[in-house]
C-alpha atoms as a PDB file:
ATOM      1  CA  GLY A   1     -15.506  61.490  -1.941  1.00  0.00           C
ATOM      2  CA  THR A   2     -16.002  58.910   0.526  1.00  0.00           C
ATOM      3  CA  SER A   3     -13.709  56.374   2.456  1.00  0.00           C
ATOM      4  CA  LEU A   4     -15.076  53.385   0.639  1.00  0.00           C
ATOM      5  CA  ASN A   5     -12.993  51.120  -1.544  1.00  0.00           C
ATOM      6  CA  GLY A   6     -13.249  47.614  -3.261  1.00  0.00           C
ATOM      7  CA  ASP A   7     -16.522  45.734  -3.989  1.00  0.00           C
ATOM      8  CA  LEU A   8     -19.427  46.438  -1.683  1.00  0.00           C
ATOM      9  CA  ILE A   9     -23.285  46.500  -1.305  1.00  0.00           C
ATOM     10  CA  LEU A  10     -24.814  49.900  -0.814  1.00  0.00           C
ATOM     11  CA  PRO A  11     -27.513  50.360   1.722  1.00  0.00           C
ATOM     12  CA  ASN A  12     -30.007  50.399  -1.137  1.00  0.00           C
ATOM     13  CA  GLY A  13     -28.856  46.993  -2.178  1.00  0.00           C
ATOM     14  CA  LYS A  14     -26.886  48.045  -5.236  1.00  0.00           C
ATOM     15  CA  ALA A  15     -23.592  46.144  -5.822  1.00  0.00           C
ATOM     16  CA  VAL A  16     -20.677  48.555  -6.783  1.00  0.00           C
ATOM     17  CA  ASN A  17     -16.915  48.768  -6.889  1.00  0.00           C
ATOM     18  CA  ALA A  18     -15.810  51.907  -5.137  1.00  0.00           C
ATOM     19  CA  ASP A  19     -12.411  51.858  -6.848  1.00  0.00           C
ATOM     20  CA  ASN A  20     -13.977  52.346 -10.447  1.00  0.00           C
ATOM     21  CA  ALA A  21     -13.544  55.804 -11.696  1.00  0.00           C
ATOM     22  CA  GLN A  22     -16.802  57.674 -12.444  1.00  0.00           C
ATOM     23  CA  GLU A  23     -17.224  60.319 -15.029  1.00  0.00           C
ATOM     24  CA  PRO A  24     -19.069  63.474 -13.970  1.00  0.00           C
ATOM     25  CA  ILE A  25     -22.587  63.927 -15.195  1.00  0.00           C
ATOM     26  CA  SER A  26     -21.655  67.527 -16.141  1.00  0.00           C
ATOM     27  CA  ASP A  27     -18.994  70.001 -15.705  1.00  0.00           C
ATOM     28  CA  GLU A  28     -21.440  73.027 -15.828  1.00  0.00           C
ATOM     29  CA  ILE A  29     -24.325  71.734 -13.702  1.00  0.00           C
ATOM     30  CA  TYR A  30     -23.962  70.564 -10.017  1.00  0.00           C
ATOM     31  CA  TYR A  31     -26.052  67.547  -8.844  1.00  0.00           C
ATOM     32  CA  ILE A  32     -26.730  66.313  -5.489  1.00  0.00           C
ATOM     33  CA  VAL A  33     -26.983  62.527  -5.437  1.00  0.00           C
ATOM     34  CA  PRO A  34     -29.548  61.603  -2.733  1.00  0.00           C
ATOM     35  CA  ASP A  35     -28.060  58.220  -2.100  1.00  0.00           C
ATOM     36  CA  LYS A  36     -24.853  59.967  -1.153  1.00  0.00           C
ATOM     37  CA  CYS A  37     -26.137  63.143   0.526  1.00  0.00           C
ATOM     38  CA  THR A  38     -25.914  63.097   4.284  1.00  0.00           C
ATOM     39  CA  GLU A  39     -26.996  66.802   4.639  1.00  0.00           C
ATOM     40  CA  CYS A  40     -23.361  66.982   6.096  1.00  0.00           C
ATOM     41  CA  LYS A  41     -24.571  65.278   9.312  1.00  0.00           C
ATOM     42  CA  GLY A  42     -21.677  64.200  11.424  1.00  0.00           C
ATOM     43  CA  PHE A  43     -19.409  66.862   9.808  1.00  0.00           C
ATOM     44  CA  HIS A  44     -21.095  70.304   9.913  1.00  0.00           C
ATOM     45  CA  GLU A  45     -24.120  72.007  11.591  1.00  0.00           C
ATOM     46  CA  GLU A  46     -25.732  72.776   8.164  1.00  0.00           C
ATOM     47  CA  PRO A  47     -25.587  71.339   4.649  1.00  0.00           C
ATOM     48  CA  GLN A  48     -22.636  72.792   3.006  1.00  0.00           C
ATOM     49  CA  CYS A  49     -24.094  73.036  -0.366  1.00  0.00           C
ATOM     50  CA  ALA A  50     -26.763  75.359   0.903  1.00  0.00           C
ATOM     51  CA  ALA A  51     -24.158  77.383   2.853  1.00  0.00           C
ATOM     52  CA  VAL A  52     -21.915  78.148  -0.187  1.00  0.00           C
ATOM     53  CA  CYS A  53     -24.559  78.148  -2.986  1.00  0.00           C
ATOM     54  CA  PRO A  54     -24.445  81.713  -4.418  1.00  0.00           C
ATOM     55  CA  VAL A  55     -27.955  81.575  -5.708  1.00  0.00           C
ATOM     56  CA  ASP A  56     -29.741  79.673  -3.068  1.00  0.00           C
ATOM     57  CA  CYS A  57     -30.598  76.712  -5.224  1.00  0.00           C
ATOM     58  CA  CYS A  58     -30.036  74.129  -2.572  1.00  0.00           C
ATOM     59  CA  VAL A  59     -33.332  73.754  -1.012  1.00  0.00           C
ATOM     60  CA  PRO A  60     -34.843  70.557   0.738  1.00  0.00           C
ATOM     61  CA  ASP A  61     -36.090  67.790  -1.565  1.00  0.00           C
ATOM     62  CA  GLU A  62     -39.580  66.952  -0.160  1.00  0.00           C
ATOM     63  CA  GLN A  63     -39.518  63.720  -2.150  1.00  0.00           C
ATOM     64  CA  ASN A  64     -36.301  62.567  -0.359  1.00  0.00           C
ATOM     65  CA  VAL A  65     -36.950  63.335   3.286  1.00  0.00           C
ATOM     66  CA  GLU A  66     -34.899  61.246   5.677  1.00  0.00           C
ATOM     67  CA  THR A  67     -34.492  61.185   9.504  1.00  0.00           C
ATOM     68  CA  GLU A  68     -31.319  62.360  11.248  1.00  0.00           C
ATOM     69  CA  GLU A  69     -30.653  58.718  12.097  1.00  0.00           C
ATOM     70  CA  GLN A  70     -30.933  57.692   8.442  1.00  0.00           C
ATOM     71  CA  LEU A  71     -28.491  60.450   7.418  1.00  0.00           C
ATOM     72  CA  LEU A  72     -26.038  59.605  10.266  1.00  0.00           C
ATOM     73  CA  SER A  73     -26.248  55.829   9.179  1.00  0.00           C
ATOM     74  CA  LYS A  74     -25.396  56.722   5.664  1.00  0.00           C
ATOM     75  CA  GLN A  75     -22.410  59.042   6.815  1.00  0.00           C
ATOM     76  CA  ARG A  76     -21.293  56.077   8.944  1.00  0.00           C
ATOM     77  CA  PHE A  77     -21.424  53.629   6.073  1.00  0.00           C
ATOM     78  CA  MET A  78     -19.549  56.015   3.628  1.00  0.00           C
ATOM     79  CA  HIS A  79     -16.890  57.224   6.100  1.00  0.00           C
ATOM     80  CA  PRO A  80     -16.409  54.391   8.514  1.00  0.00           C
ATOM     81  CA  ASP A  81     -12.995  55.812   9.623  1.00  0.00           C
ATOM     82  CA  ASN A  82     -14.419  59.033  10.888  1.00  0.00           C
END
């Protein structure tokens, strides 16, 4: 989850209401949403999905490479109280 609430504009320009409930894509398959993933920067030393994945499926996505500053900026946007 995030600390966001109410109507807001995401860094990618999309308007959303953070209070609206969202249905999961699947209860059997896990997805990493690139627009929300911060690779746990600002929280942990390594991405926690990779640290706990029992089958080593969490690997870097070469089509979504971000700098540490971009990841930290996203983290600050989604968790302004931290």
